[in-house]
Structures are given as structure tokens and as C-alpha cells.
Amino acid sequence: MALTAETTPITRRLLSIQDVAVYTGLSVHTLYAMVSKRRIPHIKLGRLTKFDRVEIDKWIASKSVKVHRPFQVLAS
């Protein structure tokens, strides 16, 4: 089977604000607020605001809360 535009998935590196809202579960309004405060990595292309998928993944990883000690079950 030949690869065509219909059968080849497009994996875009740059995402729109709506894409990032779906990807992160954050609202578009929250993302715009974070962009204006420079709290999330983004790219300005003229009037467009785009997000690099790799940078968003790194940003999410940097916000992860690490476990300091393992969970222990106490015997009853």
C-alpha cells in the first residue's frame, strides 16, 4: 500500500493553543494567561502563538512532584 496524505499521520511539532489545551487539560483562557506571564514555553510567529510539543513535554516533566520516600503500609 502506498503512503498518501490520507494514510500518513501528520505529527506536528508546533501545536496551536487549542491543541495544547486538549493535550494538557488546561483551558485556553488559562494558557493565554500563562503565555502573557511567560509561565509556559511558547513561540510567537507574528500574531500566532504556537507551542513546541517537545518543550511542552519537558515543561510538564519539570512540574512533576517527586516522591521523597516510598509509601509504607502499616500493619494493623
PDB file of N, CA and C in Angstrom:
ATOM      1  N   MET A   1       0.844  -1.184   0.000  1.00  0.00           N
ATOM      2  CA  MET A   1       0.000   0.000   0.000  1.00  0.00           C
ATOM      3  C   MET A   1       0.885   1.241   0.000  1.00  0.00           C
ATOM      4  N   ALA A   2       0.608   2.159  -0.870  1.00  0.00           N
ATOM      5  CA  ALA A   2       1.391   3.383  -0.981  1.00  0.00           C
ATOM      6  C   ALA A   2       0.973   4.373   0.102  1.00  0.00           C
ATOM      7  N   LEU A   3       1.945   5.136   0.572  1.00  0.00           N
ATOM      8  CA  LEU A   3       1.645   6.160   1.569  1.00  0.00           C
ATOM      9  C   LEU A   3       1.118   7.397   0.858  1.00  0.00           C
ATOM     10  N   THR A   4      -0.020   7.866   1.303  1.00  0.00           N
ATOM     11  CA  THR A   4      -0.617   9.078   0.737  1.00  0.00           C
ATOM     12  C   THR A   4      -0.951  10.024   1.874  1.00  0.00           C
ATOM     13  N   ALA A   5      -1.403  11.198   1.518  1.00  0.00           N
ATOM     14  CA  ALA A   5      -1.782  12.190   2.535  1.00  0.00           C
ATOM     15  C   ALA A   5      -2.913  11.655   3.406  1.00  0.00           C
ATOM     16  N   GLU A   6      -3.761  10.793   2.842  1.00  0.00           N
ATOM     17  CA  GLU A   6      -4.887  10.246   3.602  1.00  0.00           C
ATOM     18  C   GLU A   6      -4.454   9.144   4.577  1.00  0.00           C
ATOM     19  N   THR A   7      -3.357   8.444   4.266  1.00  0.00           N
ATOM     20  CA  THR A   7      -2.954   7.315   5.111  1.00  0.00           C
ATOM     21  C   THR A   7      -1.761   7.623   5.997  1.00  0.00           C
ATOM     22  N   THR A   8      -1.082   8.734   5.756  1.00  0.00           N
ATOM     23  CA  THR A   8       0.101   9.080   6.538  1.00  0.00           C
ATOM     24  C   THR A   8      -0.284  10.036   7.656  1.00  0.00           C
ATOM     25  N   PRO A   9      -0.109   9.612   8.910  1.00  0.00           N
ATOM     26  CA  PRO A   9      -0.432  10.526  10.006  1.00  0.00           C
ATOM     27  C   PRO A   9       0.572  11.676  10.064  1.00  0.00           C
ATOM     28  N   ILE A  10       0.072  12.853  10.340  1.00  0.00           N
ATOM     29  CA  ILE A  10       0.939  14.027  10.461  1.00  0.00           C
ATOM     30  C   ILE A  10       1.208  14.247  11.941  1.00  0.00           C
ATOM     31  N   THR A  11       2.456  14.218  12.305  1.00  0.00           N
ATOM     32  CA  THR A  11       2.841  14.506  13.673  1.00  0.00           C
ATOM     33  C   THR A  11       3.486  15.881  13.665  1.00  0.00           C
ATOM     34  N   ARG A  12       2.697  16.864  14.042  1.00  0.00           N
ATOM     35  CA  ARG A  12       3.198  18.235  14.031  1.00  0.00           C
ATOM     36  C   ARG A  12       4.007  18.499  15.277  1.00  0.00           C
ATOM     37  N   ARG A  13       5.085  19.222  15.096  1.00  0.00           N
ATOM     38  CA  ARG A  13       5.899  19.601  16.244  1.00  0.00           C
ATOM     39  C   ARG A  13       5.325  20.851  16.906  1.00  0.00           C
ATOM     40  N   LEU A  14       4.835  21.792  16.108  1.00  0.00           N
ATOM     41  CA  LEU A  14       4.256  23.014  16.661  1.00  0.00           C
ATOM     42  C   LEU A  14       2.751  22.845  16.810  1.00  0.00           C
ATOM     43  N   LEU A  15       2.264  23.156  17.993  1.00  0.00           N
ATOM     44  CA  LEU A  15       0.852  22.986  18.312  1.00  0.00           C
ATOM     45  C   LEU A  15       0.184  24.336  18.505  1.00  0.00           C
ATOM     46  N   SER A  16      -1.095  24.399  18.194  1.00  0.00           N
ATOM     47  CA  SER A  16      -1.878  25.606  18.454  1.00  0.00           C
ATOM     48  C   SER A  16      -2.265  25.641  19.931  1.00  0.00           C
ATOM     49  N   ILE A  17      -2.802  26.756  20.358  1.00  0.00           N
ATOM     50  CA  ILE A  17      -3.203  26.870  21.750  1.00  0.00           C
ATOM     51  C   ILE A  17      -4.363  25.912  22.058  1.00  0.00           C
ATOM     52  N   GLN A  18      -5.231  25.678  21.069  1.00  0.00           N
ATOM     53  CA  GLN A  18      -6.327  24.726  21.257  1.00  0.00           C
ATOM     54  C   GLN A  18      -5.792  23.302  21.392  1.00  0.00           C
ATOM     55  N   ASP A  19      -4.765  22.967  20.595  1.00  0.00           N
ATOM     56  CA  ASP A  19      -4.142  21.643  20.696  1.00  0.00           C
ATOM     57  C   ASP A  19      -3.538  21.430  22.082  1.00  0.00           C
ATOM     58  N   VAL A  20      -2.848  22.450  22.595  1.00  0.00           N
ATOM     59  CA  VAL A  20      -2.202  22.336  23.903  1.00  0.00           C
ATOM     60  C   VAL A  20      -3.252  22.262  25.007  1.00  0.00           C
ATOM     61  N   ALA A  21      -4.376  22.948  24.826  1.00  0.00           N
ATOM     62  CA  ALA A  21      -5.457  22.864  25.812  1.00  0.00           C
ATOM     63  C   ALA A  21      -5.961  21.426  25.927  1.00  0.00           C
ATOM     64  N   VAL A  22      -6.150  20.773  24.798  1.00  0.00           N
ATOM     65  CA  VAL A  22      -6.593  19.374  24.802  1.00  0.00           C
ATOM     66  C   VAL A  22      -5.494  18.479  25.365  1.00  0.00           C
ATOM     67  N   TYR A  23      -4.265  18.716  24.949  1.00  0.00           N
ATOM     68  CA  TYR A  23      -3.106  17.898  25.350  1.00  0.00           C
ATOM     69  C   TYR A  23      -2.856  17.952  26.853  1.00  0.00           C
ATOM     70  N   THR A  24      -3.007  19.152  27.449  1.00  0.00           N
ATOM     71  CA  THR A  24      -2.694  19.324  28.877  1.00  0.00           C
ATOM     72  C   THR A  24      -3.913  19.286  29.787  1.00  0.00           C
ATOM     73  N   GLY A  25      -5.090  19.479  29.219  1.00  0.00           N
ATOM     74  CA  GLY A  25      -6.288  19.553  30.046  1.00  0.00           C
ATOM     75  C   GLY A  25      -6.508  20.938  30.654  1.00  0.00           C
ATOM     76  N   LEU A  26      -5.705  21.909  30.247  1.00  0.00           N
ATOM     77  CA  LEU A  26      -5.869  23.286  30.713  1.00  0.00           C
ATOM     78  C   LEU A  26      -6.793  24.027  29.756  1.00  0.00           C
ATOM     79  N   SER A  27      -7.472  25.051  30.250  1.00  0.00           N
ATOM     80  CA  SER A  27      -8.348  25.826  29.379  1.00  0.00           C
ATOM     81  C   SER A  27      -7.515  26.771  28.506  1.00  0.00           C
ATOM     82  N   VAL A  28      -8.103  27.180  27.391  1.00  0.00           N
ATOM     83  CA  VAL A  28      -7.445  28.131  26.503  1.00  0.00           C
ATOM     84  C   VAL A  28      -7.186  29.439  27.260  1.00  0.00           C
ATOM     85  N   HIS A  29      -8.160  29.859  28.062  1.00  0.00           N
ATOM     86  CA  HIS A  29      -8.000  31.090  28.848  1.00  0.00           C
ATOM     87  C   HIS A  29      -6.793  30.985  29.786  1.00  0.00           C
ATOM     88  N   THR A  30      -6.657  29.865  30.480  1.00  0.00           N
ATOM     89  CA  THR A  30      -5.521  29.654  31.388  1.00  0.00           C
ATOM     90  C   THR A  30      -4.214  29.679  30.615  1.00  0.00           C
ATOM     91  N   LEU A  31      -4.176  29.045  29.460  1.00  0.00           N
ATOM     92  CA  LEU A  31      -2.958  29.034  28.650  1.00  0.00           C
ATOM     93  C   LEU A  31      -2.577  30.437  28.197  1.00  0.00           C
ATOM     94  N   TYR A  32      -3.553  31.234  27.746  1.00  0.00           N
ATOM     95  CA  TYR A  32      -3.251  32.614  27.357  1.00  0.00           C
ATOM     96  C   TYR A  32      -2.699  33.405  28.537  1.00  0.00           C
ATOM     97  N   ALA A  33      -3.260  33.194  29.727  1.00  0.00           N
ATOM     98  CA  ALA A  33      -2.763  33.885  30.918  1.00  0.00           C
ATOM     99  C   ALA A  33      -1.328  33.458  31.217  1.00  0.00           C
ATOM    100  N   MET A  34      -1.033  32.167  31.074  1.00  0.00           N
ATOM    101  CA  MET A  34       0.314  31.663  31.324  1.00  0.00           C
ATOM    102  C   MET A  34       1.295  32.204  30.287  1.00  0.00           C
ATOM    103  N   VAL A  35       0.861  32.314  29.042  1.00  0.00           N
ATOM    104  CA  VAL A  35       1.718  32.884  27.987  1.00  0.00           C
ATOM    105  C   VAL A  35       2.043  34.331  28.316  1.00  0.00           C
ATOM    106  N   SER A  36       1.028  35.107  28.714  1.00  0.00           N
ATOM    107  CA  SER A  36       1.268  36.531  28.978  1.00  0.00           C
ATOM    108  C   SER A  36       2.195  36.740  30.168  1.00  0.00           C
ATOM    109  N   LYS A  37       2.229  35.766  31.098  1.00  0.00           N
ATOM    110  CA  LYS A  37       3.122  35.848  32.259  1.00  0.00           C
ATOM    111  C   LYS A  37       4.421  35.072  32.040  1.00  0.00           C
ATOM    112  N   ARG A  38       4.593  34.541  30.816  1.00  0.00           N
ATOM    113  CA  ARG A  38       5.785  33.748  30.461  1.00  0.00           C
ATOM    114  C   ARG A  38       6.000  32.568  31.413  1.00  0.00           C
ATOM    115  N   ARG A  39       4.922  31.876  31.750  1.00  0.00           N
ATOM    116  CA  ARG A  39       4.990  30.729  32.651  1.00  0.00           C
ATOM    117  C   ARG A  39       4.971  29.393  31.913  1.00  0.00           C
ATOM    118  N   ILE A  40       4.817  29.442  30.589  1.00  0.00           N
ATOM    119  CA  ILE A  40       4.802  28.224  29.779  1.00  0.00           C
ATOM    120  C   ILE A  40       5.613  28.515  28.511  1.00  0.00           C
ATOM    121  N   PRO A  41       6.444  27.572  28.067  1.00  0.00           N
ATOM    122  CA  PRO A  41       7.249  27.825  26.860  1.00  0.00           C
ATOM    123  C   PRO A  41       6.354  27.955  25.625  1.00  0.00           C
ATOM    124  N   HIS A  42       6.595  28.989  24.825  1.00  0.00           N
ATOM    125  CA  HIS A  42       5.804  29.213  23.630  1.00  0.00           C
ATOM    126  C   HIS A  42       6.643  29.925  22.572  1.00  0.00           C
ATOM    127  N   ILE A  43       6.096  29.969  21.373  1.00  0.00           N
ATOM    128  CA  ILE A  43       6.760  30.598  20.240  1.00  0.00           C
ATOM    129  C   ILE A  43       5.781  31.585  19.629  1.00  0.00           C
ATOM    130  N   LYS A  44       6.233  32.795  19.380  1.00  0.00           N
ATOM    131  CA  LYS A  44       5.414  33.793  18.705  1.00  0.00           C
ATOM    132  C   LYS A  44       5.826  33.845  17.241  1.00  0.00           C
ATOM    133  N   LEU A  45       4.893  33.599  16.353  1.00  0.00           N
ATOM    134  CA  LEU A  45       5.102  33.696  14.915  1.00  0.00           C
ATOM    135  C   LEU A  45       4.153  34.782  14.407  1.00  0.00           C
ATOM    136  N   GLY A  46       4.646  36.009  14.419  1.00  0.00           N
ATOM    137  CA  GLY A  46       3.764  37.124  14.091  1.00  0.00           C
ATOM    138  C   GLY A  46       2.716  37.252  15.185  1.00  0.00           C
ATOM    139  N   ARG A  47       1.432  37.156  14.806  1.00  0.00           N
ATOM    140  CA  ARG A  47       0.357  37.220  15.797  1.00  0.00           C
ATOM    141  C   ARG A  47       0.040  35.861  16.386  1.00  0.00           C
ATOM    142  N   LEU A  48       0.547  34.810  15.775  1.00  0.00           N
ATOM    143  CA  LEU A  48       0.219  33.455  16.222  1.00  0.00           C
ATOM    144  C   LEU A  48       1.065  33.040  17.416  1.00  0.00           C
ATOM    145  N   THR A  49       0.440  32.331  18.323  1.00  0.00           N
ATOM    146  CA  THR A  49       1.149  31.727  19.446  1.00  0.00           C
ATOM    147  C   THR A  49       1.153  30.230  19.204  1.00  0.00           C
ATOM    148  N   LYS A  50       2.331  29.652  19.137  1.00  0.00           N
ATOM    149  CA  LYS A  50       2.482  28.214  18.913  1.00  0.00           C
ATOM    150  C   LYS A  50       3.288  27.619  20.060  1.00  0.00           C
ATOM    151  N   PHE A  51       3.200  26.304  20.195  1.00  0.00           N
ATOM    152  CA  PHE A  51       3.881  25.596  21.268  1.00  0.00           C
ATOM    153  C   PHE A  51       4.633  24.419  20.675  1.00  0.00           C
ATOM    154  N   ASP A  52       5.888  24.265  21.065  1.00  0.00           N
ATOM    155  CA  ASP A  52       6.724  23.147  20.624  1.00  0.00           C
ATOM    156  C   ASP A  52       6.374  21.938  21.497  1.00  0.00           C
ATOM    157  N   ARG A  53       5.927  20.861  20.860  1.00  0.00           N
ATOM    158  CA  ARG A  53       5.495  19.672  21.604  1.00  0.00           C
ATOM    159  C   ARG A  53       6.600  19.155  22.530  1.00  0.00           C
ATOM    160  N   VAL A  54       7.847  19.161  22.069  1.00  0.00           N
ATOM    161  CA  VAL A  54       8.972  18.677  22.872  1.00  0.00           C
ATOM    162  C   VAL A  54       9.157  19.558  24.112  1.00  0.00           C
ATOM    163  N   GLU A  55       9.075  20.874  23.929  1.00  0.00           N
ATOM    164  CA  GLU A  55       9.228  21.795  25.060  1.00  0.00           C
ATOM    165  C   GLU A  55       8.061  21.675  26.038  1.00  0.00           C
ATOM    166  N   ILE A  56       6.868  21.448  25.536  1.00  0.00           N
ATOM    167  CA  ILE A  56       5.712  21.259  26.426  1.00  0.00           C
ATOM    168  C   ILE A  56       5.892  19.989  27.247  1.00  0.00           C
ATOM    169  N   ASP A  57       6.368  18.912  26.626  1.00  0.00           N
ATOM    170  CA  ASP A  57       6.625  17.674  27.368  1.00  0.00           C
ATOM    171  C   ASP A  57       7.681  17.894  28.451  1.00  0.00           C
ATOM    172  N   LYS A  58       8.742  18.643  28.141  1.00  0.00           N
ATOM    173  CA  LYS A  58       9.779  18.945  29.141  1.00  0.00           C
ATOM    174  C   LYS A  58       9.202  19.792  30.265  1.00  0.00           C
ATOM    175  N   TRP A  59       8.367  20.770  29.913  1.00  0.00           N
ATOM    176  CA  TRP A  59       7.745  21.647  30.901  1.00  0.00           C
ATOM    177  C   TRP A  59       6.850  20.834  31.838  1.00  0.00           C
ATOM    178  N   ILE A  60       6.070  19.920  31.283  1.00  0.00           N
ATOM    179  CA  ILE A  60       5.212  19.064  32.104  1.00  0.00           C
ATOM    180  C   ILE A  60       6.064  18.218  33.040  1.00  0.00           C
ATOM    181  N   ALA A  61       7.148  17.637  32.521  1.00  0.00           N
ATOM    182  CA  ALA A  61       8.031  16.808  33.348  1.00  0.00           C
ATOM    183  C   ALA A  61       8.660  17.630  34.473  1.00  0.00           C
ATOM    184  N   SER A  62       8.983  18.886  34.194  1.00  0.00           N
ATOM    185  CA  SER A  62       9.610  19.726  35.225  1.00  0.00           C
ATOM    186  C   SER A  62       8.633  20.109  36.324  1.00  0.00           C
ATOM    187  N   LYS A  63       7.333  19.995  36.057  1.00  0.00           N
ATOM    188  CA  LYS A  63       6.314  20.336  37.046  1.00  0.00           C
ATOM    189  C   LYS A  63       5.889  19.132  37.878  1.00  0.00           C
ATOM    190  N   SER A  64       6.427  17.964  37.559  1.00  0.00           N
ATOM    191  CA  SER A  64       6.061  16.751  38.297  1.00  0.00           C
ATOM    192  C   SER A  64       6.575  16.807  39.724  1.00  0.00           C
ATOM    193  N   VAL A  65       5.753  16.350  40.636  1.00  0.00           N
ATOM    194  CA  VAL A  65       6.145  16.290  42.037  1.00  0.00           C
ATOM    195  C   VAL A  65       6.785  14.922  42.271  1.00  0.00           C
ATOM    196  N   LYS A  66       8.002  14.942  42.767  1.00  0.00           N
ATOM    197  CA  LYS A  66       8.743  13.703  43.001  1.00  0.00           C
ATOM    198  C   LYS A  66       8.430  13.160  44.398  1.00  0.00           C
ATOM    199  N   VAL A  67       8.400  11.848  44.516  1.00  0.00           N
ATOM    200  CA  VAL A  67       8.177  11.190  45.799  1.00  0.00           C
ATOM    201  C   VAL A  67       9.505  11.138  46.535  1.00  0.00           C
ATOM    202  N   HIS A  68       9.517  11.595  47.787  1.00  0.00           N
ATOM    203  CA  HIS A  68      10.759  11.615  48.558  1.00  0.00           C
ATOM    204  C   HIS A  68      11.056  10.287  49.229  1.00  0.00           C
ATOM    205  N   ARG A  69      10.035   9.584  49.658  1.00  0.00           N
ATOM    206  CA  ARG A  69      10.276   8.287  50.279  1.00  0.00           C
ATOM    207  C   ARG A  69       9.166   7.349  49.871  1.00  0.00           C
ATOM    208  N   PRO A  70       9.459   6.075  49.846  1.00  0.00           N
ATOM    209  CA  PRO A  70       8.450   5.115  49.410  1.00  0.00           C
ATOM    210  C   PRO A  70       7.287   5.027  50.393  1.00  0.00           C
ATOM    211  N   PHE A  71       6.150   4.683  49.866  1.00  0.00           N
ATOM    212  CA  PHE A  71       4.944   4.519  50.656  1.00  0.00           C
ATOM    213  C   PHE A  71       5.070   3.229  51.476  1.00  0.00           C
ATOM    214  N   GLN A  72       4.745   3.311  52.753  1.00  0.00           N
ATOM    215  CA  GLN A  72       4.819   2.127  53.621  1.00  0.00           C
ATOM    216  C   GLN A  72       3.440   1.799  54.145  1.00  0.00           C
ATOM    217  N   VAL A  73       3.088   0.532  54.069  1.00  0.00           N
ATOM    218  CA  VAL A  73       1.802   0.075  54.600  1.00  0.00           C
ATOM    219  C   VAL A  73       2.042  -0.338  56.041  1.00  0.00           C
ATOM    220  N   LEU A  74       1.271   0.238  56.945  1.00  0.00           N
ATOM    221  CA  LEU A  74       1.384  -0.104  58.354  1.00  0.00           C
ATOM    222  C   LEU A  74       0.530  -1.326  58.658  1.00  0.00           C
ATOM    223  N   ALA A  75       1.104  -2.259  59.406  1.00  0.00           N
ATOM    224  CA  ALA A  75       0.368  -3.468  59.779  1.00  0.00           C
ATOM    225  C   ALA A  75      -0.674  -3.112  60.831  1.00  0.00           C
ATOM    226  N   SER A  76      -1.841  -3.738  60.738  1.00  0.00           N
ATOM    227  CA  SER A  76      -2.926  -3.452  61.688  1.00  0.00           C
ATOM    228  C   SER A  76      -2.805  -4.316  62.918  1.00  0.00           C
TER     229      SER A  76
END
